Each structure stands twice: as C-alpha cells, then as structure tokens.
C-alpha atoms as a PDB file:
ATOM      1  CA  MET A   1       0.048   0.200  -0.033  1.00  0.00           C
ATOM      2  CA  ASP A   2       1.358   3.523  -1.258  1.00  0.00           C
ATOM      3  CA  LEU A   3       2.049   6.893   0.800  1.00  0.00           C
ATOM      4  CA  ASN A   4      -0.938   8.521  -0.654  1.00  0.00           C
ATOM      5  CA  CYS A   5      -3.171   5.653   0.187  1.00  0.00           C
ATOM      6  CA  LEU A   6      -2.579   5.884   3.782  1.00  0.00           C
ATOM      7  CA  LEU A   7      -2.866   9.828   3.691  1.00  0.00           C
ATOM      8  CA  PHE A   8      -6.219   9.160   2.752  1.00  0.00           C
ATOM      9  CA  ILE A   9      -7.458   6.597   4.861  1.00  0.00           C
ATOM     10  CA  PHE A  10      -5.675   8.587   7.914  1.00  0.00           C
ATOM     11  CA  SER A  11      -7.492  11.800   6.396  1.00  0.00           C
ATOM     12  CA  PHE A  12     -10.760   9.546   6.114  1.00  0.00           C
ATOM     13  CA  PHE A  13     -11.010   8.448   9.808  1.00  0.00           C
ATOM     14  CA  ARG A  14     -10.041  12.286  11.018  1.00  0.00           C
ATOM     15  CA  LEU A  15     -13.221  13.689   8.982  1.00  0.00           C
ATOM     16  CA  SER A  16     -15.055  10.726  10.546  1.00  0.00           C
ATOM     17  CA  GLY A  17     -13.727  11.363  13.996  1.00  0.00           C
ATOM     18  CA  ALA A  18     -14.381  15.680  13.646  1.00  0.00           C
ATOM     19  CA  GLN A  19     -18.111  14.840  12.773  1.00  0.00           C
ATOM     20  CA  GLY A  20     -20.517  14.882  15.756  1.00  0.00           C
ATOM     21  CA  ILE A  21     -18.379  16.515  18.456  1.00  0.00           C
ATOM     22  CA  THR A  22     -16.783  19.798  18.889  1.00  0.00           C
ATOM     23  CA  THR A  23     -14.346  21.857  21.241  1.00  0.00           C
ATOM     24  CA  VAL A  24     -11.518  24.511  20.934  1.00  0.00           C
ATOM     25  CA  SER A  25      -8.656  23.651  19.243  1.00  0.00           C
ATOM     26  CA  GLN A  26      -5.797  25.222  21.465  1.00  0.00           C
ATOM     27  CA  ILE A  27      -5.732  26.701  25.136  1.00  0.00           C
ATOM     28  CA  SER A  28      -3.083  28.410  27.052  1.00  0.00           C
ATOM     29  CA  ALA A  29      -2.635  27.783  30.829  1.00  0.00           C
ATOM     30  CA  ARG A  30       0.322  28.398  32.984  1.00  0.00           C
ATOM     31  CA  ARG A  31       2.034  25.756  34.764  1.00  0.00           C
ATOM     32  CA  GLY A  32      -0.371  24.609  38.225  1.00  0.00           C
ATOM     33  CA  GLN A  33      -3.275  25.998  36.837  1.00  0.00           C
ATOM     34  CA  SER A  34      -6.830  24.764  36.825  1.00  0.00           C
ATOM     35  CA  VAL A  35      -8.603  25.170  33.387  1.00  0.00           C
ATOM     36  CA  ILE A  36     -11.633  23.447  31.883  1.00  0.00           C
ATOM     37  CA  ILE A  37     -12.751  22.078  28.639  1.00  0.00           C
ATOM     38  CA  PRO A  38     -15.877  21.387  27.570  1.00  0.00           C
ATOM     39  CA  CYS A  39     -16.876  18.879  24.148  1.00  0.00           C
ATOM     40  CA  LEU A  40     -19.606  19.533  22.863  1.00  0.00           C
ATOM     41  CA  TYR A  41     -21.349  16.415  20.781  1.00  0.00           C
ATOM     42  CA  ASN A  42     -24.637  15.142  19.100  1.00  0.00           C
ATOM     43  CA  HIS A  43     -27.835  14.814  21.407  1.00  0.00           C
ATOM     44  CA  THR A  44     -27.905  11.389  19.462  1.00  0.00           C
ATOM     45  CA  TYR A  45     -24.301  10.166  21.397  1.00  0.00           C
ATOM     46  CA  ALA A  46     -25.905  11.168  24.656  1.00  0.00           C
ATOM     47  CA  PHE A  47     -25.567   7.681  26.224  1.00  0.00           C
ATOM     48  CA  SER A  48     -22.173   6.686  24.781  1.00  0.00           C
ATOM     49  CA  TYR A  49     -19.128   5.552  26.591  1.00  0.00           C
ATOM     50  CA  LYS A  50     -16.736   8.641  26.362  1.00  0.00           C
ATOM     51  CA  TYR A  51     -13.529   8.855  27.379  1.00  0.00           C
ATOM     52  CA  LEU A  52     -10.485  11.494  27.241  1.00  0.00           C
ATOM     53  CA  SER A  53      -7.184  10.109  25.810  1.00  0.00           C
ATOM     54  CA  VAL A  54      -3.670  11.977  25.190  1.00  0.00           C
ATOM     55  CA  GLY A  55      -1.415  11.414  22.469  1.00  0.00           C
ATOM     56  CA  ASP A  56       0.318  13.109  19.744  1.00  0.00           C
ATOM     57  CA  TYR A  57      -2.019  11.340  17.410  1.00  0.00           C
ATOM     58  CA  TRP A  58      -5.425   9.627  17.807  1.00  0.00           C
ATOM     59  CA  LEU A  59      -4.653   6.695  16.681  1.00  0.00           C
ATOM     60  CA  SER A  60      -1.640   6.241  18.589  1.00  0.00           C
ATOM     61  CA  SER A  61      -3.132   8.019  21.997  1.00  0.00           C
ATOM     62  CA  VAL A  62      -4.124   5.888  25.070  1.00  0.00           C
ATOM     63  CA  GLN A  63      -6.628   6.802  27.374  1.00  0.00           C
ATOM     64  CA  THR A  64      -6.128   8.881  30.379  1.00  0.00           C
ATOM     65  CA  TYR A  65      -7.600   8.995  33.853  1.00  0.00           C
ATOM     66  CA  HIS A  66      -5.112  11.459  35.164  1.00  0.00           C
ATOM     67  CA  TYR A  67      -8.136  14.248  34.974  1.00  0.00           C
ATOM     68  CA  LYS A  68     -11.492  14.391  36.058  1.00  0.00           C
ATOM     69  CA  THR A  69     -14.236  14.198  33.336  1.00  0.00           C
ATOM     70  CA  SER A  70     -17.877  14.585  33.524  1.00  0.00           C
ATOM     71  CA  ASP A  71     -21.022  14.345  31.150  1.00  0.00           C
ATOM     72  CA  ASP A  72     -24.020  16.481  31.137  1.00  0.00           C
ATOM     73  CA  THR A  73     -26.398  14.152  28.588  1.00  0.00           C
ATOM     74  CA  LYS A  74     -29.231  17.095  28.826  1.00  0.00           C
ATOM     75  CA  GLY A  75     -26.748  19.622  27.630  1.00  0.00           C
ATOM     76  CA  HIS A  76     -24.696  17.180  25.481  1.00  0.00           C
ATOM     77  CA  ILE A  77     -21.656  18.263  26.788  1.00  0.00           C
ATOM     78  CA  PHE A  78     -18.501  16.185  27.877  1.00  0.00           C
ATOM     79  CA  THR A  79     -16.209  18.060  30.248  1.00  0.00           C
ATOM     80  CA  VAL A  80     -12.811  17.657  31.183  1.00  0.00           C
ATOM     81  CA  HIS A  81     -11.532  19.102  34.535  1.00  0.00           C
ATOM     82  CA  MET A  82      -7.581  19.643  34.193  1.00  0.00           C
ATOM     83  CA  ASP A  83      -6.368  20.238  37.835  1.00  0.00           C
ATOM     84  CA  ASP A  84      -2.745  21.342  38.082  1.00  0.00           C
ATOM     85  CA  VAL A  85      -1.724  21.163  34.721  1.00  0.00           C
ATOM     86  CA  GLN A  86       1.714  20.842  34.091  1.00  0.00           C
ATOM     87  CA  GLU A  87       3.342  19.091  30.382  1.00  0.00           C
ATOM     88  CA  PRO A  88       1.780  20.356  27.173  1.00  0.00           C
ATOM     89  CA  GLY A  89       0.274  17.661  24.833  1.00  0.00           C
ATOM     90  CA  TYR A  90      -2.715  16.636  22.630  1.00  0.00           C
ATOM     91  CA  TYR A  91      -5.730  15.458  24.382  1.00  0.00           C
ATOM     92  CA  TRP A  92      -8.792  13.664  22.700  1.00  0.00           C
ATOM     93  CA  CYS A  93     -12.434  14.051  23.550  1.00  0.00           C
ATOM     94  CA  THR A  94     -13.405  10.359  21.974  1.00  0.00           C
ATOM     95  CA  ILE A  95     -17.262   8.999  21.812  1.00  0.00           C
ATOM     96  CA  HIS A  96     -17.081   5.057  21.461  1.00  0.00           C
ATOM     97  CA  ILE A  97     -18.847   3.630  18.811  1.00  0.00           C
ATOM     98  CA  PRO A  98     -19.491  -0.201  18.561  1.00  0.00           C
ATOM     99  CA  LEU A  99     -18.700  -1.977  15.937  1.00  0.00           C
ATOM    100  CA  ALA A 100     -17.714   0.566  14.303  1.00  0.00           C
ATOM    101  CA  PHE A 101     -15.018   3.827  14.512  1.00  0.00           C
ATOM    102  CA  ASP A 102     -15.011   6.010  17.782  1.00  0.00           C
ATOM    103  CA  ILE A 103     -16.132   9.500  17.435  1.00  0.00           C
ATOM    104  CA  TYR A 104     -13.178  11.903  18.753  1.00  0.00           C
ATOM    105  CA  VAL A 105     -11.729  15.851  18.255  1.00  0.00           C
ATOM    106  CA  GLY A 106      -8.597  16.725  19.750  1.00  0.00           C
ATOM    107  CA  PHE A 107      -7.175  20.117  21.144  1.00  0.00           C
ATOM    108  CA  PHE A 108      -3.565  21.218  21.947  1.00  0.00           C
ATOM    109  CA  LEU A 109      -2.999  22.422  25.576  1.00  0.00           C
ATOM    110  CA  ASP A 110      -0.008  24.932  25.796  1.00  0.00           C
ATOM    111  CA  ILE A 111       1.690  25.573  29.150  1.00  0.00           C
ATOM    112  CA  THR A 112       3.885  28.406  30.056  1.00  0.00           C
ATOM    113  CA  PRO A 113       5.494  29.530  33.073  1.00  0.00           C
ATOM    114  CA  ASP A 114       4.045  33.094  33.087  1.00  0.00           C
ATOM    115  CA  SER A 115       0.736  34.325  32.339  1.00  0.00           C
ATOM    116  CA  PRO A 116      -1.363  32.600  29.456  1.00  0.00           C
ATOM    117  CA  ARG A 117      -1.480  33.834  26.493  1.00  0.00           C
ATOM    118  CA  LEU A 118      -5.220  34.084  26.575  1.00  0.00           C
ATOM    119  CA  TYR A 119      -6.813  33.502  29.863  1.00  0.00           C
ATOM    120  CA  VAL A 120     -10.050  34.869  31.567  1.00  0.00           C
ATOM    121  CA  ASN A 121     -10.245  36.141  35.699  1.00  0.00           C
ATOM    122  CA  SER A 122     -12.876  33.073  35.710  1.00  0.00           C
ATOM    123  CA  GLN A 123     -14.449  30.217  33.577  1.00  0.00           C
ATOM    124  CA  ILE A 124     -17.699  30.146  35.150  1.00  0.00           C
ATOM    125  CA  VAL A 125     -20.008  33.112  35.404  1.00  0.00           C
ATOM    126  CA  THR A 126     -23.322  33.478  36.611  1.00  0.00           C
ATOM    127  CA  GLY A 127     -26.090  36.194  35.616  1.00  0.00           C
ATOM    128  CA  SER A 128     -30.253  36.610  36.217  1.00  0.00           C
ATOM    129  CA  GLU A 129     -32.952  36.699  33.646  1.00  0.00           C
ATOM    130  CA  ASN A 130     -33.275  40.497  31.924  1.00  0.00           C
ATOM    131  CA  GLY A 131     -29.773  41.156  33.493  1.00  0.00           C
ATOM    132  CA  SER A 132     -25.949  41.180  32.731  1.00  0.00           C
ATOM    133  CA  VAL A 133     -22.548  39.758  32.757  1.00  0.00           C
ATOM    134  CA  THR A 134     -19.252  41.488  31.829  1.00  0.00           C
ATOM    135  CA  ILE A 135     -16.333  39.020  31.252  1.00  0.00           C
ATOM    136  CA  THR A 136     -12.482  40.338  30.589  1.00  0.00           C
ATOM    137  CA  CYS A 137     -10.222  38.561  28.116  1.00  0.00           C
ATOM    138  CA  TYR A 138      -6.641  39.046  28.855  1.00  0.00           C
ATOM    139  CA  HIS A 139      -4.217  38.721  25.429  1.00  0.00           C
ATOM    140  CA  GLN A 140      -1.075  39.372  24.298  1.00  0.00           C
ATOM    141  CA  GLY A 141      -1.529  42.279  21.228  1.00  0.00           C
ATOM    142  CA  ALA A 142      -3.609  41.169  18.703  1.00  0.00           C
ATOM    143  CA  GLN A 143      -5.803  44.036  19.614  1.00  0.00           C
ATOM    144  CA  TYR A 144      -8.813  43.437  17.272  1.00  0.00           C
ATOM    145  CA  GLY A 145      -8.692  39.771  16.339  1.00  0.00           C
ATOM    146  CA  VAL A 146     -10.430  39.114  19.898  1.00  0.00           C
ATOM    147  CA  LYS A 147     -13.951  36.982  19.089  1.00  0.00           C
ATOM    148  CA  TRP A 148     -17.045  35.984  21.306  1.00  0.00           C
ATOM    149  CA  CYS A 149     -18.918  32.824  20.413  1.00  0.00           C
ATOM    150  CA  LYS A 150     -21.068  30.578  21.389  1.00  0.00           C
ATOM    151  CA  PHE A 151     -20.186  26.549  20.966  1.00  0.00           C
ATOM    152  CA  GLY A 152     -22.492  25.431  18.167  1.00  0.00           C
ATOM    153  CA  ASP A 153     -23.313  28.769  17.337  1.00  0.00           C
ATOM    154  CA  GLN A 154     -22.311  31.781  15.311  1.00  0.00           C
ATOM    155  CA  CYS A 155     -19.390  34.232  16.642  1.00  0.00           C
ATOM    156  CA  ILE A 156     -19.188  38.477  17.441  1.00  0.00           C
ATOM    157  CA  THR A 157     -16.324  40.070  15.634  1.00  0.00           C
ATOM    158  CA  GLY A 158     -17.588  43.478  15.615  1.00  0.00           C
ATOM    159  CA  ALA A 159     -18.216  46.257  18.462  1.00  0.00           C
ATOM    160  CA  SER A 160     -21.874  45.058  19.115  1.00  0.00           C
ATOM    161  CA  GLY A 161     -24.364  42.409  17.854  1.00  0.00           C
ATOM    162  CA  THR A 162     -26.834  39.667  19.279  1.00  0.00           C
ATOM    163  CA  LEU A 163     -25.826  35.905  20.204  1.00  0.00           C
ATOM    164  CA  ALA A 164     -28.748  33.330  21.285  1.00  0.00           C
ATOM    165  CA  GLY A 165     -31.146  36.359  21.509  1.00  0.00           C
ATOM    166  CA  ALA A 166     -28.791  38.033  24.314  1.00  0.00           C
ATOM    167  CA  SER A 167     -27.355  41.653  23.294  1.00  0.00           C
ATOM    168  CA  VAL A 168     -23.825  41.908  23.053  1.00  0.00           C
ATOM    169  CA  LYS A 169     -21.268  44.361  23.526  1.00  0.00           C
ATOM    170  CA  ILE A 170     -17.343  44.509  22.775  1.00  0.00           C
ATOM    171  CA  ILE A 171     -14.963  46.690  23.676  1.00  0.00           C
ATOM    172  CA  HIS A 172     -11.322  46.292  22.460  1.00  0.00           C
ATOM    173  CA  GLY A 173      -8.181  46.907  24.709  1.00  0.00           C
ATOM    174  CA  LEU A 174      -4.741  46.854  24.461  1.00  0.00           C
ATOM    175  CA  ARG A 175      -3.963  43.943  26.043  1.00  0.00           C
ATOM    176  CA  ASN A 176      -7.732  43.000  27.207  1.00  0.00           C
ATOM    177  CA  THR A 177     -11.090  42.762  25.801  1.00  0.00           C
ATOM    178  CA  THR A 178     -14.158  43.404  27.529  1.00  0.00           C
ATOM    179  CA  VAL A 179     -17.544  41.390  26.913  1.00  0.00           C
ATOM    180  CA  ARG A 180     -20.740  42.571  27.861  1.00  0.00           C
ATOM    181  CA  MET A 181     -23.966  40.718  27.740  1.00  0.00           C
ATOM    182  CA  SER A 182     -27.234  41.965  28.185  1.00  0.00           C
ATOM    183  CA  GLN A 183     -30.804  41.127  28.356  1.00  0.00           C
ATOM    184  CA  LEU A 184     -30.422  37.327  29.398  1.00  0.00           C
ATOM    185  CA  LYS A 185     -32.444  34.914  29.339  1.00  0.00           C
ATOM    186  CA  LYS A 186     -32.579  31.098  30.628  1.00  0.00           C
ATOM    187  CA  GLU A 187     -31.676  29.959  27.202  1.00  0.00           C
ATOM    188  CA  ASN A 188     -28.065  31.781  27.378  1.00  0.00           C
ATOM    189  CA  THR A 189     -27.137  29.406  30.024  1.00  0.00           C
ATOM    190  CA  GLY A 190     -24.112  27.618  28.007  1.00  0.00           C
ATOM    191  CA  TRP A 191     -20.465  27.491  27.314  1.00  0.00           C
ATOM    192  CA  TYR A 192     -19.049  30.463  25.446  1.00  0.00           C
ATOM    193  CA  TRP A 193     -15.007  31.435  24.478  1.00  0.00           C
ATOM    194  CA  CYS A 194     -13.141  34.220  23.847  1.00  0.00           C
ATOM    195  CA  SER A 195     -11.178  33.451  20.331  1.00  0.00           C
ATOM    196  CA  THR A 196      -7.792  35.334  19.144  1.00  0.00           C
ATOM    197  CA  GLU A 197      -6.344  33.808  16.106  1.00  0.00           C
ATOM    198  CA  ASP A 198      -5.049  30.310  17.543  1.00  0.00           C
ATOM    199  CA  LEU A 199      -6.100  30.253  20.993  1.00  0.00           C
ATOM    200  CA  GLN A 200      -9.613  29.816  22.737  1.00  0.00           C
ATOM    201  CA  MET A 201     -10.601  29.909  26.146  1.00  0.00           C
ATOM    202  CA  PRO A 202     -13.854  28.966  27.419  1.00  0.00           C
ATOM    203  CA  VAL A 203     -16.488  30.428  29.840  1.00  0.00           C
ATOM    204  CA  HIS A 204     -19.630  29.050  30.665  1.00  0.00           C
ATOM    205  CA  ILE A 205     -22.609  31.499  31.715  1.00  0.00           C
ATOM    206  CA  THR A 206     -25.116  30.228  33.657  1.00  0.00           C
ATOM    207  CA  VAL A 207     -28.753  32.446  34.017  1.00  0.00           C
ATOM    208  CA  HIS A 208     -30.352  32.277  36.623  1.00  0.00           C
ATOM    209  CA  GLN A 209     -34.211  32.876  37.204  1.00  0.00           C
ATOM    210  CA  LYS A 210     -35.158  36.718  38.253  1.00  0.00           C
ATOM    211  CA  GLU A 211     -36.192  36.545  41.992  1.00  0.00           C
ATOM    212  CA  SER A 212     -39.411  37.708  42.598  1.00  0.00           C
ATOM    213  CA  SER A 213     -40.515  40.176  45.566  1.00  0.00           C
ATOM    214  CA  LYS A 214     -42.075  37.543  47.422  1.00  0.00           C
ATOM    215  CA  THR A 215     -40.060  35.284  49.486  1.00  0.00           C
ATOM    216  CA  THR A 216     -40.166  31.901  48.533  1.00  0.00           C
ATOM    217  CA  ALA A 217     -39.487  29.404  51.349  1.00  0.00           C
ATOM    218  CA  GLU A 218     -36.738  26.211  50.027  1.00  0.00           C
ATOM    219  CA  PRO A 219     -37.733  22.897  50.855  1.00  0.00           C
ATOM    220  CA  GLY A 220     -38.049  21.704  54.283  1.00  0.00           C
ATOM    221  CA  GLN A 221     -37.869  25.123  55.331  1.00  0.00           C
ATOM    222  CA  PHE A 222     -40.949  27.846  56.331  1.00  0.00           C
ATOM    223  CA  SER A 223     -41.485  31.452  55.048  1.00  0.00           C
ATOM    224  CA  PRO A 224     -41.650  34.199  57.666  1.00  0.00           C
ATOM    225  CA  SER A 225     -45.489  34.710  57.384  1.00  0.00           C
ATOM    226  CA  THR A 226     -46.138  30.715  57.891  1.00  0.00           C
ATOM    227  CA  ARG A 227     -43.692  31.002  60.743  1.00  0.00           C
ATOM    228  CA  LYS A 228     -46.218  34.210  61.715  1.00  0.00           C
ATOM    229  CA  ARG A 229     -48.961  32.222  61.204  1.00  0.00           C
ATOM    230  CA  THR A 230     -47.702  29.101  62.947  1.00  0.00           C
ATOM    231  CA  ALA A 231     -47.087  30.803  66.287  1.00  0.00           C
ATOM    232  CA  ILE A 232     -50.482  32.645  66.213  1.00  0.00           C
ATOM    233  CA  PHE A 233     -51.829  28.677  66.602  1.00  0.00           C
ATOM    234  CA  PHE A 234     -49.888  28.013  68.726  1.00  0.00           C
ATOM    235  CA  LEU A 235     -50.294  30.826  71.344  1.00  0.00           C
ATOM    236  CA  MET A 236     -53.995  31.274  70.799  1.00  0.00           C
ATOM    237  CA  PRO A 237     -55.187  28.246  73.659  1.00  0.00           C
ATOM    238  CA  VAL A 238     -52.761  29.507  76.197  1.00  0.00           C
ATOM    239  CA  ILE A 239     -53.933  33.389  75.354  1.00  0.00           C
ATOM    240  CA  LEU A 240     -57.566  32.429  75.496  1.00  0.00           C
ATOM    241  CA  GLU A 241     -56.891  30.001  78.336  1.00  0.00           C
ATOM    242  CA  ILE A 242     -55.354  33.020  80.292  1.00  0.00           C
ATOM    243  CA  ILE A 243     -58.339  35.201  79.009  1.00  0.00           C
ATOM    244  CA  LEU A 244     -60.731  32.407  80.530  1.00  0.00           C
ATOM    245  CA  LEU A 245     -58.658  31.950  84.017  1.00  0.00           C
ATOM    246  CA  THR A 246     -59.087  35.646  84.355  1.00  0.00           C
ATOM    247  CA  PHE A 247     -62.595  35.783  83.555  1.00  0.00           C
ATOM    248  CA  ILE A 248     -63.121  32.661  86.627  1.00  0.00           C
ATOM    249  CA  TYR A 249     -61.114  35.124  88.903  1.00  0.00           C
ATOM    250  CA  LEU A 250     -63.221  38.263  88.181  1.00  0.00           C
ATOM    251  CA  ALA A 251     -66.311  36.248  88.418  1.00  0.00           C
ATOM    252  CA  LEU A 252     -65.313  34.733  92.094  1.00  0.00           C
ATOM    253  CA  LYS A 253     -64.506  37.950  93.474  1.00  0.00           C
ATOM    254  CA  LEU A 254     -67.701  39.724  92.424  1.00  0.00           C
ATOM    255  CA  ALA A 255     -69.642  36.571  93.808  1.00  0.00           C
ATOM    256  CA  ARG A 256     -67.599  36.968  97.420  1.00  0.00           C
ATOM    257  CA  PHE A 257     -67.969  40.602  97.426  1.00  0.00           C
ATOM    258  CA  CYS A 258     -72.315  40.583  96.486  1.00  0.00           C
ATOM    259  CA  LYS A 259     -72.114  37.870  99.191  1.00  0.00           C
ATOM    260  CA  ARG A 260     -70.532  39.955 101.625  1.00  0.00           C
ATOM    261  CA  ARG A 261     -72.941  42.613 100.947  1.00  0.00           C
ATOM    262  CA  PHE A 262     -75.922  40.852 101.033  1.00  0.00           C
ATOM    263  CA  LEU A 263     -74.985  39.365 104.441  1.00  0.00           C
ATOM    264  CA  GLN A 264     -74.313  42.621 105.373  1.00  0.00           C
ATOM    265  CA  SER A 265     -77.697  43.501 104.650  1.00  0.00           C
ATOM    266  CA  VAL A 266     -79.437  40.960 105.955  1.00  0.00           C
ATOM    267  CA  ASN A 267     -78.156  41.222 109.364  1.00  0.00           C
ATOM    268  CA  GLU A 268     -78.614  44.768 109.355  1.00  0.00           C
ATOM    269  CA  ALA A 269     -82.280  44.035 108.496  1.00  0.00           C
ATOM    270  CA  GLU A 270     -82.384  41.544 111.531  1.00  0.00           C
ATOM    271  CA  GLY A 271     -80.641  43.306 114.360  1.00  0.00           C
ATOM    272  CA  GLY A 272     -82.446  46.892 113.444  1.00  0.00           C
ATOM    273  CA  PRO A 273     -85.102  46.210 116.461  1.00  0.00           C
ATOM    274  CA  TYR A 274     -82.489  45.545 118.835  1.00  0.00           C
ATOM    275  CA  VAL A 275     -80.376  47.601 120.996  1.00  0.00           C
ATOM    276  CA  THR A 276     -76.757  46.803 122.275  1.00  0.00           C
ATOM    277  CA  MET A 277     -76.413  47.722 126.223  1.00  0.00           C
ATOM    278  CA  HIS A 278     -72.921  47.733 127.569  1.00  0.00           C
ATOM    279  CA  ARG A 279     -72.797  46.645 131.376  1.00  0.00           C
ATOM    280  CA  GLU A 280     -70.631  48.374 133.495  1.00  0.00           C
ATOM    281  CA  GLN A 281     -67.997  46.379 135.328  1.00  0.00           C
ATOM    282  CA  SER A 282     -66.839  47.430 139.265  1.00  0.00           C
ATOM    283  CA  LEU A 283     -63.564  46.845 140.782  1.00  0.00           C
ATOM    284  CA  ARG A 284     -63.776  45.648 144.440  1.00  0.00           C
ATOM    285  CA  SER A 285     -61.843  48.061 147.029  1.00  0.00           C
ATOM    286  CA  ASN A 286     -58.934  45.160 147.461  1.00  0.00           C
ATOM    287  CA  GLY A 287     -57.918  45.509 143.234  1.00  0.00           C
ATOM    288  CA  CYS A 288     -59.884  42.116 142.772  1.00  0.00           C
ATOM    289  CA  SER A 289     -61.738  41.869 139.965  1.00  0.00           C
ATOM    290  CA  ALA A 290     -64.783  40.402 140.240  1.00  0.00           C
ATOM    291  CA  ALA A 291     -67.630  40.846 137.966  1.00  0.00           C
ATOM    292  CA  GLU A 292     -71.157  41.760 139.329  1.00  0.00           C
ATOM    293  CA  GLY A 293     -73.632  41.231 136.806  1.00  0.00           C
ATOM    294  CA  VAL A 294     -77.250  41.486 137.834  1.00  0.00           C
ATOM    295  CA  TYR A 295     -79.669  41.032 134.874  1.00  0.00           C
ATOM    296  CA  GLU A 296     -82.641  43.259 135.742  1.00  0.00           C
ATOM    297  CA  ASN A 297     -85.747  42.148 134.439  1.00  0.00           C
ATOM    298  CA  MET A 298     -87.610  44.844 132.099  1.00  0.00           C
ATOM    299  CA  ALA A 299     -90.591  43.273 132.066  1.00  0.00           C
ATOM    300  CA  GLU A 300     -92.304  40.393 134.379  1.00  0.00           C
ATOM    301  CA  LEU A 301     -93.065  37.735 131.800  1.00  0.00           C
ATOM    302  CA  SER A 302     -96.180  36.876 134.133  1.00  0.00           C
ATOM    303  CA  GLU A 303     -96.948  40.270 133.566  1.00  0.00           C
ATOM    304  CA  ILE A 304     -97.318  40.217 129.880  1.00  0.00           C
ATOM    305  CA  PRO A 305    -100.479  40.398 128.257  1.00  0.00           C
ATOM    306  CA  ALA A 306    -101.155  37.839 125.439  1.00  0.00           C
ATOM    307  CA  SER A 307    -102.399  40.514 123.774  1.00  0.00           C
ATOM    308  CA  SER A 308     -99.299  42.191 123.924  1.00  0.00           C
ATOM    309  CA  HIS A 309     -97.022  39.467 122.578  1.00  0.00           C
ATOM    310  CA  LYS A 310     -97.059  40.575 119.101  1.00  0.00           C
ATOM    311  CA  SER A 311     -95.659  44.063 119.707  1.00  0.00           C
ATOM    312  CA  THR A 312     -93.214  43.274 122.545  1.00  0.00           C
ATOM    313  CA  GLY A 313     -90.570  41.369 123.422  1.00  0.00           C
ATOM    314  CA  LEU A 314     -88.777  39.251 126.132  1.00  0.00           C
ATOM    315  CA  ALA A 315     -86.051  40.405 127.480  1.00  0.00           C
ATOM    316  CA  VAL A 316     -83.747  37.865 128.971  1.00  0.00           C
ATOM    317  CA  VAL A 317     -82.841  38.167 132.757  1.00  0.00           C
ATOM    318  CA  LYS A 318     -79.905  35.971 134.188  1.00  0.00           C
ATOM    319  CA  LYS A 319     -78.956  36.036 137.320  1.00  0.00           C
ATOM    320  CA  THR A 320     -75.708  34.562 138.334  1.00  0.00           C
ATOM    321  CA  ASP A 321     -73.881  33.934 141.625  1.00  0.00           C
ATOM    322  CA  SER A 322     -71.245  36.481 142.107  1.00  0.00           C
ATOM    323  CA  SER A 323     -68.431  33.863 142.739  1.00  0.00           C
ATOM    324  CA  ASN A 324     -68.660  32.648 138.743  1.00  0.00           C
ATOM    325  CA  ALA A 325     -69.693  36.394 137.813  1.00  0.00           C
ATOM    326  CA  SER A 326     -66.677  37.274 136.263  1.00  0.00           C
ATOM    327  CA  GLN A 327     -66.310  34.016 134.073  1.00  0.00           C
ATOM    328  CA  GLN A 328     -69.905  33.622 133.427  1.00  0.00           C
ATOM    329  CA  GLU A 329     -71.731  36.678 132.577  1.00  0.00           C
ATOM    330  CA  PRO A 330     -71.547  38.423 129.008  1.00  0.00           C
ATOM    331  CA  ASP A 331     -70.740  42.191 128.538  1.00  0.00           C
ATOM    332  CA  TYR A 332     -73.685  42.750 126.926  1.00  0.00           C
ATOM    333  CA  VAL A 333     -77.073  42.367 126.772  1.00  0.00           C
ATOM    334  CA  ASN A 334     -79.433  42.755 124.164  1.00  0.00           C
ATOM    335  CA  ILE A 335     -83.030  44.588 125.371  1.00  0.00           C
ATOM    336  CA  MET A 336     -85.661  44.224 123.330  1.00  0.00           C
ATOM    337  CA  LYS A 337     -87.801  47.719 121.946  1.00  0.00           C
ATOM    338  CA  THR A 338     -90.915  48.214 121.948  1.00  0.00           C
END
C-alpha cells in the first residue's frame, strides 16, 4: 500500500472523527493552573461511553484517567476538568461507538511558566434573567482579532451584535477585551469562548431565574408569614386559657363581694329592732376583779298580756352567783325595743 493511500485513509478517519463532536483547538494555561475544557457532542450520543485520551495522534493515543471528566447528557457536553496542569500535549475527547470507528476531537494544551497568552478571571460566570454579565479576556496583542463565540452557534467579531437572543457589546483594549452580554434569558445558559487567531478560552455562563419580590421558602423550610401564622396558632389556646382564668377569677371576686354585701344587709335588717347595751363592771375595793352582773328584769313574763306579745318582746334576765360572775356573765345584753 503506497503513501497516498495511507494519507487518504488517515484523512477519512480524521474527517469522520470530527463529525458529531467539537471543542476548542488550542488553549493556553500557566503551569500548575486548572482549566476546564468542554466538548460538545450530538444528542444521538447522549448515552454513549466517552473518555479522554492523550497522544500526538488519536490512533496512537491512550486513554488517561489523570483528569476528572463529567458528562451532561441533557446539555450534551462532555467536560474535562484539568487540575494542576504540568506538561503540554494533545488531548482527545472521544465517544466510543460499538462495531464502528470512535468519534473524537482533539485540542492542544499549551503550558507557559508565566501568564497564559489568553485567559479570563473565571471560567464560571453567573447572571440573572433580564440582567447582564461582563467577561474580560486578557491576551497578548491581537487587539482587534478577539472574537466572542458560543459553542454550536455563531461568533461576534465587531463591536456589538446579538448572540442567542442576548445583546453583546465588545470593547477592545491593548491587553484585554471586555465582553458585556445583556438582556439575558434562561436560554443563554451554556458554554462560550474568547478567541484570538490561534487560542480559545472557554467560559460557562449560567442564567438564573430573576428573584421575585415574594420570598419563596426552600424545601423543608417555612417562610416568615408561615412561621408567623404557626406561632399565632400555637399561642391562641394559651391566650384563651389566660382570658378564661381571668374571667373566672373576676367572677369569684364579684360573687364573694355580692355575698358579703348580702349578709351585711341581712344582719342590718335583723338587728334593727335590738339595742345593744354595755354592762359596766366595777372593781372591788381590795383590787380583786369580780364581775357583778345582774340582769334586771325589764318586764315580768307573767305580767305581759298575751295580746301584747306581738308588739312586746321578751327581755332575757339572767342571774348568776357572784363568785362566777367574772367568768360566765356576758358583757352585753340585748333588750327588745317596744
């Protein structure tokens, strides 16, 4: 087999491998730096096995597990996370196709001891709907050769334009180029890159939904209004119990007051016809106290006619022995008024 035939076969493999998957062609990084390389593939290969290989040519490359990889089957992105890069080389994002040729695309990793020839502050950028994001691409020369592109879409080469529905404004500088994307939508989430003549630097933009004025509680948490209603719900029985106890206390106090007034009025009504008289006590001349109490009969029982029983009461007459007067005689005597 001659050389022309071999070149034809290699070119066929190269062209067939490049179909269905794409990525950057060359990226510059400082030694020890970390970079992220996305490989965009066709949706038909969402559940196919994917891997990263290293080697000057894909036919001679070997699969490497040195760097972490991830596969977004919904976004159709196979991502290579290259941490602490040390050596330059060719790398290949590959999709394994059973009983057929694997699909692959390669990129060259350029390692510099100082600042990379093209880099950004962060490869991960976030924004909100109807908002804007700003990306600064730092480069060496090529002031007007910087482009802003989206994976699987077009590039903006002028000072302004529209990319995936978002407004793009590019400000070119001597050592850096600033890209401002405004009027963002959820659909603008995805991978973009800054591009010079021979280098690209991927940037991922995530557009979040704009926060509403209402506070939305996260799963497993309560909003302030819900917590307030819950607190009132638990405090209501306590408040009602306090009000009930207060009402019962006041009712008992009122009942006692009314009972006291009622008894006082009854005593006054029953004690109206009586006169209370105090009996004087005299002391013996020798200093010994002796009660001399003699109850005098104010009206003889035998002399009270029966007809006058209704208008005249009885006077209690009690006589005691003088020796027991101090102990047994009461101090007061009640006499019924006529």
